[in-house]
Structure formats: structure tokens, C-alpha cells
């Protein structure tokens, strides 16, 4: 991946050493300098995004990937990285469409369907918990004689 970067040999070897020794801050700095110098280089942005993800800077990773996407479409690997970045920063509503794109582009890859299922489960579970809290007890919206349940993925109200 680093061999394809438009970097001088000396800078590339420094970058390789920094990544190998997990000195991600130094690698980020070097890549940020190169990205500022060559604003139209998607490969530099993609490597920077990968380093940011490894360093735990998932929001920054997502921002850099969106900038790279403006230059050219992301490949499958980097779109997956974008979706995972959204998941780690808690933006499941942004991750869902990215996993949908990935699942449509590669229907045989079960990983994308897995993540879509997790997002759907979480969304339904949170909705259920929120509504259930609103509906329970005498102070709830529906009074104490109502409860909620999921049947076949549909939220239904039951009178108790």
C-alpha cells in the first residue's frame, strides 16, 4: 500500500519505519504534511485515514475518508473502514447506508449483512426500551395496563 504513494523514497522509508514501530503520531504528521502539499492525492488521504483508525482517532478517520471520497469513489476496503469509523463514534445512522452500499456491491460477503443486522437490532432494541419506559407505570403514556413486545420484528402494544 505504501509503495503506491507519491512520496520521495526517503519520506516513504521514514513512514514505513514509523508505522512498523507504531509511532502513529509521527506517521500522521508526515502524511498530513504530504496531504497539505498535494491536495489532490487520494492515496495519501487513504493511508492517513488508515493510520488515524489504528491510532483510535475514528472521527478524524471518517473526516479524511469523506475528503478522499470527494476526489474519487472509495474502494470496498476503505468504505468498510468508513462504516466501522461511524460505528465506533456511535453514528449508526451514518454507518447503515455505508453497509447497505457494501452489501449491494458484494452480496456474498456476510460481514456486511452481519453489521446491518446489528444496527437494525440495536435500533429496534433502543426503540423498544424507550417506548417501554414511557408506557410502564401509572405515570406512563398508556397507563399501567399496557406493555410492549416485539413479534416478528414489529412492535405491538398489549393490554395486561
N, C-alpha and C. Protein backbone atom coordinates (compact mmCIF):
# COMPACT_ATOMS: atom_id res chain seq x y z
N UNK A 1 0.82 -1.19 0.00
CA UNK A 1 0.00 0.00 0.00
C UNK A 1 0.87 1.27 0.00
N UNK A 2 1.94 1.24 0.75
CA UNK A 2 2.80 2.43 0.83
C UNK A 2 3.63 2.63 -0.44
N UNK A 3 3.88 1.55 -1.18
CA UNK A 3 4.70 1.67 -2.40
C UNK A 3 4.01 2.51 -3.46
N UNK A 4 2.69 2.56 -3.44
CA UNK A 4 1.94 3.30 -4.45
C UNK A 4 1.83 4.79 -4.14
N UNK A 5 2.29 5.19 -2.97
CA UNK A 5 2.18 6.60 -2.58
C UNK A 5 3.15 7.47 -3.38
N UNK A 6 2.68 8.65 -3.77
CA UNK A 6 3.58 9.57 -4.48
C UNK A 6 4.50 10.31 -3.51
N UNK A 7 5.41 9.56 -2.89
CA UNK A 7 6.35 10.13 -1.93
C UNK A 7 7.78 9.89 -2.40
N UNK A 8 8.67 10.77 -1.95
CA UNK A 8 10.08 10.54 -2.20
C UNK A 8 10.51 9.30 -1.41
N UNK A 9 11.50 8.63 -1.92
CA UNK A 9 11.96 7.37 -1.32
C UNK A 9 12.32 7.55 0.16
N UNK A 10 12.99 8.64 0.48
CA UNK A 10 13.41 8.89 1.86
C UNK A 10 12.19 9.05 2.78
N UNK A 11 11.19 9.81 2.34
CA UNK A 11 9.97 10.03 3.15
C UNK A 11 9.18 8.73 3.29
N UNK A 12 9.15 7.94 2.22
CA UNK A 12 8.44 6.66 2.28
C UNK A 12 9.08 5.71 3.28
N UNK A 13 10.42 5.65 3.31
CA UNK A 13 11.09 4.77 4.25
C UNK A 13 10.89 5.24 5.69
N UNK A 14 10.86 6.55 5.91
CA UNK A 14 10.57 7.09 7.25
C UNK A 14 9.16 6.70 7.67
N UNK A 15 8.21 6.84 6.75
CA UNK A 15 6.81 6.49 7.03
C UNK A 15 6.67 5.01 7.35
N UNK A 16 7.32 4.17 6.57
CA UNK A 16 7.28 2.72 6.82
C UNK A 16 7.82 2.39 8.21
N UNK A 17 8.92 3.03 8.60
CA UNK A 17 9.52 2.79 9.91
C UNK A 17 8.58 3.25 11.02
N UNK A 18 7.94 4.39 10.83
CA UNK A 18 7.02 4.91 11.85
C UNK A 18 5.82 3.98 12.03
N UNK A 19 5.30 3.48 10.95
CA UNK A 19 4.15 2.58 11.04
C UNK A 19 4.58 1.24 11.65
N UNK A 20 5.72 0.74 11.23
CA UNK A 20 6.23 -0.53 11.76
C UNK A 20 6.42 -0.47 13.27
N UNK A 21 6.91 0.68 13.78
CA UNK A 21 7.15 0.84 15.22
C UNK A 21 5.92 1.39 15.95
N UNK A 22 4.84 1.51 15.23
CA UNK A 22 3.56 2.01 15.78
C UNK A 22 3.67 3.42 16.34
N UNK A 23 4.51 4.23 15.72
CA UNK A 23 4.61 5.65 16.06
C UNK A 23 3.62 6.39 15.17
N UNK A 24 2.33 6.22 15.50
CA UNK A 24 1.27 6.72 14.62
C UNK A 24 1.22 8.25 14.58
N UNK A 25 1.55 8.91 15.67
CA UNK A 25 1.52 10.38 15.68
C UNK A 25 2.50 10.94 14.65
N UNK A 26 3.70 10.38 14.61
CA UNK A 26 4.70 10.85 13.65
C UNK A 26 4.25 10.53 12.22
N UNK A 27 3.66 9.35 12.02
CA UNK A 27 3.17 8.97 10.69
C UNK A 27 2.03 9.91 10.27
N UNK A 28 1.14 10.22 11.20
CA UNK A 28 0.05 11.15 10.91
C UNK A 28 0.60 12.51 10.49
N UNK A 29 1.59 12.98 11.23
CA UNK A 29 2.19 14.28 10.93
C UNK A 29 2.80 14.29 9.53
N UNK A 30 3.57 13.27 9.22
CA UNK A 30 4.19 13.18 7.90
C UNK A 30 3.13 13.13 6.79
N UNK A 31 2.10 12.31 6.99
CA UNK A 31 1.06 12.19 5.97
C UNK A 31 0.23 13.46 5.84
N UNK A 32 -0.01 14.14 6.96
CA UNK A 32 -0.74 15.40 6.91
C UNK A 32 0.04 16.45 6.14
N UNK A 33 1.36 16.47 6.33
CA UNK A 33 2.20 17.40 5.56
C UNK A 33 2.10 17.09 4.07
N UNK A 34 2.18 15.81 3.72
CA UNK A 34 2.10 15.42 2.32
C UNK A 34 0.71 15.72 1.73
N UNK A 35 -0.34 15.51 2.53
CA UNK A 35 -1.70 15.80 2.05
C UNK A 35 -1.88 17.29 1.83
N UNK A 36 -1.28 18.13 2.68
CA UNK A 36 -1.36 19.57 2.50
C UNK A 36 -0.58 20.02 1.27
N UNK A 37 0.53 19.33 1.01
CA UNK A 37 1.36 19.67 -0.14
C UNK A 37 0.69 19.25 -1.45
N UNK A 38 0.04 18.09 -1.45
CA UNK A 38 -0.60 17.55 -2.65
C UNK A 38 -2.08 17.30 -2.34
N UNK A 39 -2.91 18.32 -2.43
CA UNK A 39 -4.31 18.24 -2.02
C UNK A 39 -5.15 17.29 -2.86
N UNK A 40 -4.72 16.95 -4.04
CA UNK A 40 -5.49 16.08 -4.91
C UNK A 40 -5.09 14.61 -4.86
N UNK A 41 -4.33 14.23 -3.86
CA UNK A 41 -3.83 12.85 -3.80
C UNK A 41 -4.72 12.00 -2.89
N UNK A 42 -5.60 11.22 -3.50
CA UNK A 42 -6.43 10.32 -2.72
C UNK A 42 -5.62 9.24 -2.01
N UNK A 43 -4.58 8.64 -2.64
CA UNK A 43 -3.82 7.60 -1.94
C UNK A 43 -3.21 8.07 -0.62
N UNK A 44 -2.74 9.29 -0.56
CA UNK A 44 -2.17 9.81 0.69
C UNK A 44 -3.27 9.93 1.75
N UNK A 45 -4.44 10.43 1.34
CA UNK A 45 -5.56 10.54 2.28
C UNK A 45 -6.01 9.18 2.80
N UNK A 46 -6.00 8.19 1.92
CA UNK A 46 -6.43 6.85 2.34
C UNK A 46 -5.46 6.23 3.35
N UNK A 47 -4.18 6.41 3.13
CA UNK A 47 -3.20 5.89 4.09
C UNK A 47 -3.31 6.66 5.40
N UNK A 48 -3.51 7.97 5.32
CA UNK A 48 -3.69 8.78 6.52
C UNK A 48 -4.91 8.30 7.30
N UNK A 49 -6.00 8.01 6.63
CA UNK A 49 -7.21 7.52 7.29
C UNK A 49 -6.95 6.19 8.00
N UNK A 50 -6.21 5.30 7.36
CA UNK A 50 -5.88 4.02 7.97
C UNK A 50 -5.03 4.20 9.23
N UNK A 51 -4.07 5.10 9.17
CA UNK A 51 -3.22 5.36 10.33
C UNK A 51 -4.04 5.98 11.46
N UNK A 52 -4.94 6.90 11.12
CA UNK A 52 -5.80 7.52 12.13
C UNK A 52 -6.69 6.47 12.81
N UNK A 53 -7.20 5.53 12.02
CA UNK A 53 -8.04 4.47 12.59
C UNK A 53 -7.22 3.61 13.56
N UNK A 54 -6.01 3.26 13.15
CA UNK A 54 -5.14 2.46 14.02
C UNK A 54 -4.81 3.20 15.31
N UNK A 55 -4.74 4.52 15.24
CA UNK A 55 -4.41 5.33 16.41
C UNK A 55 -5.64 5.63 17.27
N UNK A 56 -6.81 5.12 16.86
CA UNK A 56 -8.02 5.32 17.65
C UNK A 56 -8.71 6.64 17.42
N UNK A 57 -8.33 7.35 16.37
CA UNK A 57 -8.94 8.64 16.05
C UNK A 57 -9.99 8.42 14.95
N UNK A 58 -11.08 7.79 15.35
CA UNK A 58 -12.07 7.33 14.39
C UNK A 58 -12.86 8.47 13.75
N UNK A 59 -13.13 9.53 14.48
CA UNK A 59 -13.82 10.68 13.89
C UNK A 59 -12.95 11.32 12.81
N UNK A 60 -11.67 11.53 13.13
CA UNK A 60 -10.75 12.09 12.14
C UNK A 60 -10.61 11.18 10.93
N UNK A 61 -10.60 9.88 11.17
CA UNK A 61 -10.53 8.90 10.09
C UNK A 61 -11.72 9.08 9.15
N UNK A 62 -12.92 9.21 9.72
CA UNK A 62 -14.12 9.37 8.90
C UNK A 62 -14.06 10.67 8.09
N UNK A 63 -13.59 11.73 8.71
CA UNK A 63 -13.49 13.02 8.01
C UNK A 63 -12.53 12.91 6.82
N UNK A 64 -11.39 12.28 7.04
CA UNK A 64 -10.40 12.14 5.96
C UNK A 64 -10.95 11.24 4.85
N UNK A 65 -11.65 10.18 5.21
CA UNK A 65 -12.23 9.30 4.19
C UNK A 65 -13.29 10.02 3.36
N UNK A 66 -14.08 10.89 3.99
CA UNK A 66 -15.07 11.66 3.23
C UNK A 66 -14.37 12.63 2.28
N UNK A 67 -13.25 13.21 2.71
CA UNK A 67 -12.48 14.07 1.80
C UNK A 67 -11.93 13.27 0.63
N UNK A 68 -11.44 12.07 0.92
CA UNK A 68 -10.91 11.20 -0.14
C UNK A 68 -12.03 10.79 -1.10
N UNK A 69 -13.22 10.59 -0.57
CA UNK A 69 -14.35 10.18 -1.41
C UNK A 69 -14.76 11.29 -2.38
N UNK A 70 -14.51 12.54 -2.00
CA UNK A 70 -14.80 13.66 -2.91
C UNK A 70 -13.86 13.65 -4.11
N UNK A 71 -12.67 13.10 -3.93
CA UNK A 71 -11.70 13.04 -5.03
C UNK A 71 -11.99 11.89 -5.99
N UNK A 72 -12.42 10.76 -5.44
CA UNK A 72 -12.74 9.57 -6.25
C UNK A 72 -13.52 8.61 -5.37
N UNK A 73 -14.30 7.71 -5.97
CA UNK A 73 -15.06 6.75 -5.15
C UNK A 73 -14.13 5.88 -4.30
N UNK A 74 -14.59 5.56 -3.11
CA UNK A 74 -13.81 4.69 -2.23
C UNK A 74 -13.93 3.24 -2.70
N UNK A 75 -12.86 2.49 -2.53
CA UNK A 75 -12.93 1.06 -2.81
C UNK A 75 -13.62 0.36 -1.64
N UNK A 76 -13.86 -0.92 -1.78
CA UNK A 76 -14.62 -1.67 -0.78
C UNK A 76 -13.95 -1.63 0.59
N UNK A 77 -12.65 -1.80 0.63
CA UNK A 77 -11.92 -1.83 1.89
C UNK A 77 -12.05 -0.51 2.64
N UNK A 78 -11.91 0.61 1.93
CA UNK A 78 -11.96 1.91 2.59
C UNK A 78 -13.39 2.33 2.92
N UNK A 79 -14.37 1.89 2.14
CA UNK A 79 -15.77 2.14 2.51
C UNK A 79 -16.12 1.37 3.79
N UNK A 80 -15.59 0.16 3.92
CA UNK A 80 -15.79 -0.61 5.15
C UNK A 80 -15.14 0.10 6.34
N UNK A 81 -13.95 0.66 6.13
CA UNK A 81 -13.28 1.42 7.17
C UNK A 81 -14.12 2.64 7.57
N UNK A 82 -14.72 3.30 6.60
CA UNK A 82 -15.59 4.45 6.88
C UNK A 82 -16.79 4.00 7.72
N UNK A 83 -17.42 2.90 7.33
CA UNK A 83 -18.57 2.40 8.06
C UNK A 83 -18.19 2.02 9.49
N UNK A 84 -17.06 1.36 9.66
CA UNK A 84 -16.60 0.99 11.01
C UNK A 84 -16.26 2.23 11.84
N UNK A 85 -15.74 3.25 11.19
CA UNK A 85 -15.46 4.50 11.90
C UNK A 85 -16.76 5.10 12.43
N UNK A 86 -17.79 5.08 11.61
CA UNK A 86 -19.09 5.59 12.05
C UNK A 86 -19.62 4.77 13.23
N UNK A 87 -19.44 3.46 13.18
CA UNK A 87 -19.91 2.61 14.27
C UNK A 87 -19.17 2.97 15.56
N UNK A 88 -17.86 3.14 15.49
CA UNK A 88 -17.07 3.39 16.70
C UNK A 88 -17.34 4.76 17.30
N UNK A 89 -17.80 5.73 16.50
CA UNK A 89 -18.14 7.04 17.07
C UNK A 89 -19.62 7.12 17.43
N UNK A 90 -20.32 6.00 17.28
CA UNK A 90 -21.71 5.94 17.70
C UNK A 90 -22.72 6.48 16.70
N UNK A 91 -22.33 6.63 15.45
CA UNK A 91 -23.23 7.15 14.42
C UNK A 91 -23.75 6.00 13.56
N UNK A 92 -24.60 5.17 14.16
CA UNK A 92 -25.14 4.02 13.43
C UNK A 92 -26.02 4.46 12.27
N UNK A 93 -26.65 5.63 12.40
CA UNK A 93 -27.48 6.13 11.31
C UNK A 93 -26.64 6.50 10.08
N UNK A 94 -25.37 6.79 10.26
CA UNK A 94 -24.48 7.04 9.13
C UNK A 94 -23.84 5.74 8.64
N UNK A 95 -23.61 4.82 9.55
CA UNK A 95 -22.98 3.55 9.19
C UNK A 95 -23.91 2.69 8.34
N UNK A 96 -25.20 2.70 8.66
CA UNK A 96 -26.17 1.87 7.95
C UNK A 96 -26.12 2.01 6.43
N UNK A 97 -26.22 3.24 5.90
CA UNK A 97 -26.16 3.39 4.43
C UNK A 97 -24.84 2.91 3.81
N UNK A 98 -23.75 3.06 4.55
CA UNK A 98 -22.46 2.58 4.03
C UNK A 98 -22.45 1.06 3.96
N UNK A 99 -22.98 0.40 5.01
CA UNK A 99 -23.05 -1.07 4.97
C UNK A 99 -24.03 -1.53 3.90
N UNK A 100 -25.10 -0.77 3.66
CA UNK A 100 -26.04 -1.10 2.58
C UNK A 100 -25.33 -1.09 1.23
N UNK A 101 -24.56 -0.04 0.98
CA UNK A 101 -23.79 0.05 -0.28
C UNK A 101 -22.85 -1.13 -0.43
N UNK A 102 -22.16 -1.45 0.66
CA UNK A 102 -21.22 -2.57 0.62
C UNK A 102 -21.94 -3.89 0.37
N UNK A 103 -23.09 -4.10 1.01
CA UNK A 103 -23.84 -5.34 0.85
C UNK A 103 -24.38 -5.47 -0.57
N UNK A 104 -24.77 -4.35 -1.17
CA UNK A 104 -25.26 -4.39 -2.55
C UNK A 104 -24.12 -4.67 -3.53
N UNK A 105 -22.96 -4.10 -3.24
CA UNK A 105 -21.81 -4.29 -4.14
C UNK A 105 -21.21 -5.69 -4.01
N UNK A 106 -21.34 -6.27 -2.82
CA UNK A 106 -20.75 -7.59 -2.58
C UNK A 106 -21.75 -8.45 -1.78
N UNK A 107 -22.79 -8.96 -2.45
CA UNK A 107 -23.84 -9.69 -1.74
C UNK A 107 -23.37 -10.99 -1.09
N UNK A 108 -22.27 -11.54 -1.53
CA UNK A 108 -21.80 -12.80 -0.94
C UNK A 108 -21.00 -12.59 0.35
N UNK A 109 -20.69 -11.35 0.69
CA UNK A 109 -19.92 -11.07 1.89
C UNK A 109 -20.87 -10.94 3.08
N UNK A 110 -20.83 -11.91 3.97
CA UNK A 110 -21.74 -11.96 5.11
C UNK A 110 -21.42 -10.91 6.18
N UNK A 111 -20.22 -10.38 6.17
CA UNK A 111 -19.83 -9.40 7.19
C UNK A 111 -20.72 -8.15 7.10
N UNK A 112 -21.02 -7.72 5.89
CA UNK A 112 -21.83 -6.51 5.73
C UNK A 112 -23.26 -6.75 6.20
N UNK A 113 -23.80 -7.91 5.91
CA UNK A 113 -25.16 -8.25 6.37
C UNK A 113 -25.18 -8.38 7.90
N UNK A 114 -24.11 -8.91 8.46
CA UNK A 114 -23.99 -9.01 9.92
C UNK A 114 -24.11 -7.62 10.56
N UNK A 115 -23.34 -6.66 10.03
CA UNK A 115 -23.37 -5.32 10.60
C UNK A 115 -24.72 -4.66 10.39
N UNK A 116 -25.35 -4.89 9.26
CA UNK A 116 -26.69 -4.35 9.04
C UNK A 116 -27.67 -4.92 10.06
N UNK A 117 -27.56 -6.20 10.35
CA UNK A 117 -28.43 -6.83 11.34
C UNK A 117 -28.17 -6.27 12.74
N UNK A 118 -26.92 -6.07 13.07
CA UNK A 118 -26.60 -5.48 14.39
C UNK A 118 -27.17 -4.09 14.54
N UNK A 119 -27.05 -3.30 13.48
CA UNK A 119 -27.59 -1.93 13.52
C UNK A 119 -29.11 -1.96 13.65
N UNK A 120 -29.77 -2.83 12.90
CA UNK A 120 -31.23 -2.94 12.97
C UNK A 120 -31.66 -3.42 14.35
N UNK A 121 -30.97 -4.39 14.90
CA UNK A 121 -31.30 -4.90 16.24
C UNK A 121 -31.15 -3.79 17.27
N UNK A 122 -30.06 -3.08 17.19
CA UNK A 122 -29.81 -2.00 18.17
C UNK A 122 -30.89 -0.93 18.05
N UNK A 123 -31.23 -0.57 16.84
CA UNK A 123 -32.25 0.45 16.62
C UNK A 123 -33.59 0.00 17.22
N UNK A 124 -34.00 -1.23 16.95
CA UNK A 124 -35.26 -1.75 17.48
C UNK A 124 -35.20 -1.89 18.99
N UNK A 125 -34.08 -2.37 19.50
CA UNK A 125 -33.94 -2.57 20.94
C UNK A 125 -34.03 -1.25 21.68
N UNK A 126 -33.34 -0.23 21.17
CA UNK A 126 -33.37 1.09 21.81
C UNK A 126 -34.78 1.66 21.73
N UNK A 127 -35.44 1.50 20.58
CA UNK A 127 -36.81 1.99 20.44
C UNK A 127 -37.71 1.29 21.44
N UNK A 128 -37.56 -0.02 21.56
CA UNK A 128 -38.37 -0.80 22.48
C UNK A 128 -38.15 -0.32 23.92
N UNK A 129 -36.89 -0.14 24.31
CA UNK A 129 -36.60 0.28 25.68
C UNK A 129 -37.17 1.66 25.96
N UNK A 130 -37.04 2.57 25.01
CA UNK A 130 -37.56 3.92 25.19
C UNK A 130 -39.07 3.90 25.33
N UNK A 131 -39.75 3.21 24.42
CA UNK A 131 -41.20 3.15 24.48
C UNK A 131 -41.67 2.41 25.71
N UNK A 132 -40.98 1.38 26.08
CA UNK A 132 -41.36 0.60 27.25
C UNK A 132 -41.28 1.45 28.51
N UNK A 133 -40.28 2.30 28.62
CA UNK A 133 -40.17 3.18 29.78
C UNK A 133 -41.30 4.20 29.79
N UNK A 134 -41.69 4.69 28.61
CA UNK A 134 -42.78 5.65 28.52
C UNK A 134 -44.12 5.04 28.87
N UNK A 135 -44.29 3.76 28.61
CA UNK A 135 -45.59 3.13 28.74
C UNK A 135 -45.82 2.44 30.07
N UNK A 136 -44.80 2.21 30.83
CA UNK A 136 -44.96 1.45 32.07
C UNK A 136 -45.32 2.36 33.24
N UNK A 137 -46.05 1.81 34.17
CA UNK A 137 -46.38 2.52 35.40
C UNK A 137 -47.57 3.45 35.23
N UNK A 138 -48.04 3.97 36.34
CA UNK A 138 -49.21 4.83 36.31
C UNK A 138 -48.91 6.15 35.61
N UNK A 139 -47.67 6.61 35.67
CA UNK A 139 -47.32 7.89 35.04
C UNK A 139 -46.99 7.76 33.57
N UNK A 140 -47.02 6.52 33.03
CA UNK A 140 -46.67 6.32 31.63
C UNK A 140 -47.77 6.80 30.70
N UNK A 141 -47.44 6.90 29.45
CA UNK A 141 -48.40 7.39 28.46
C UNK A 141 -49.61 6.48 28.33
N UNK A 142 -49.41 5.18 28.42
CA UNK A 142 -50.52 4.25 28.20
C UNK A 142 -51.09 3.71 29.51
N UNK A 143 -50.53 4.13 30.63
CA UNK A 143 -51.02 3.63 31.91
C UNK A 143 -50.41 2.29 32.26
N UNK A 144 -50.75 1.78 33.43
CA UNK A 144 -50.10 0.55 33.88
C UNK A 144 -50.72 -0.70 33.27
N UNK A 145 -51.79 -0.57 32.53
CA UNK A 145 -52.42 -1.76 31.96
C UNK A 145 -51.87 -2.10 30.58
N UNK A 146 -50.79 -1.41 30.13
CA UNK A 146 -50.25 -1.67 28.80
C UNK A 146 -48.80 -2.11 28.89
N UNK A 147 -48.40 -2.95 27.97
CA UNK A 147 -46.99 -3.31 27.84
C UNK A 147 -46.68 -3.44 26.35
N UNK A 148 -45.40 -3.46 26.03
CA UNK A 148 -44.98 -3.54 24.64
C UNK A 148 -44.19 -4.82 24.42
N UNK A 149 -44.25 -5.33 23.20
CA UNK A 149 -43.48 -6.53 22.86
C UNK A 149 -43.17 -6.51 21.37
N UNK A 150 -42.11 -7.20 21.00
CA UNK A 150 -41.76 -7.38 19.61
C UNK A 150 -42.23 -8.75 19.16
N UNK A 151 -42.94 -8.81 18.06
CA UNK A 151 -43.30 -10.07 17.44
C UNK A 151 -42.99 -9.97 15.96
N UNK A 152 -42.11 -10.84 15.49
CA UNK A 152 -41.69 -10.85 14.09
C UNK A 152 -41.15 -9.48 13.65
N UNK A 153 -40.43 -8.83 14.55
CA UNK A 153 -39.80 -7.56 14.22
C UNK A 153 -40.74 -6.37 14.27
N UNK A 154 -42.00 -6.57 14.72
CA UNK A 154 -42.96 -5.48 14.79
C UNK A 154 -43.28 -5.20 16.26
N UNK A 155 -43.25 -3.93 16.61
CA UNK A 155 -43.57 -3.53 17.97
C UNK A 155 -45.08 -3.51 18.14
N UNK A 156 -45.59 -4.25 19.12
CA UNK A 156 -47.03 -4.26 19.35
C UNK A 156 -47.32 -3.90 20.79
N UNK A 157 -48.51 -3.36 21.00
CA UNK A 157 -48.95 -3.00 22.34
C UNK A 157 -49.88 -4.08 22.85
N UNK A 158 -49.64 -4.50 24.08
CA UNK A 158 -50.51 -5.50 24.69
C UNK A 158 -51.17 -4.89 25.92
N UNK A 159 -52.44 -5.16 26.08
CA UNK A 159 -53.13 -4.75 27.30
C UNK A 159 -52.98 -5.86 28.31
N UNK A 160 -52.59 -5.51 29.50
CA UNK A 160 -52.36 -6.52 30.54
C UNK A 160 -53.54 -6.58 31.48
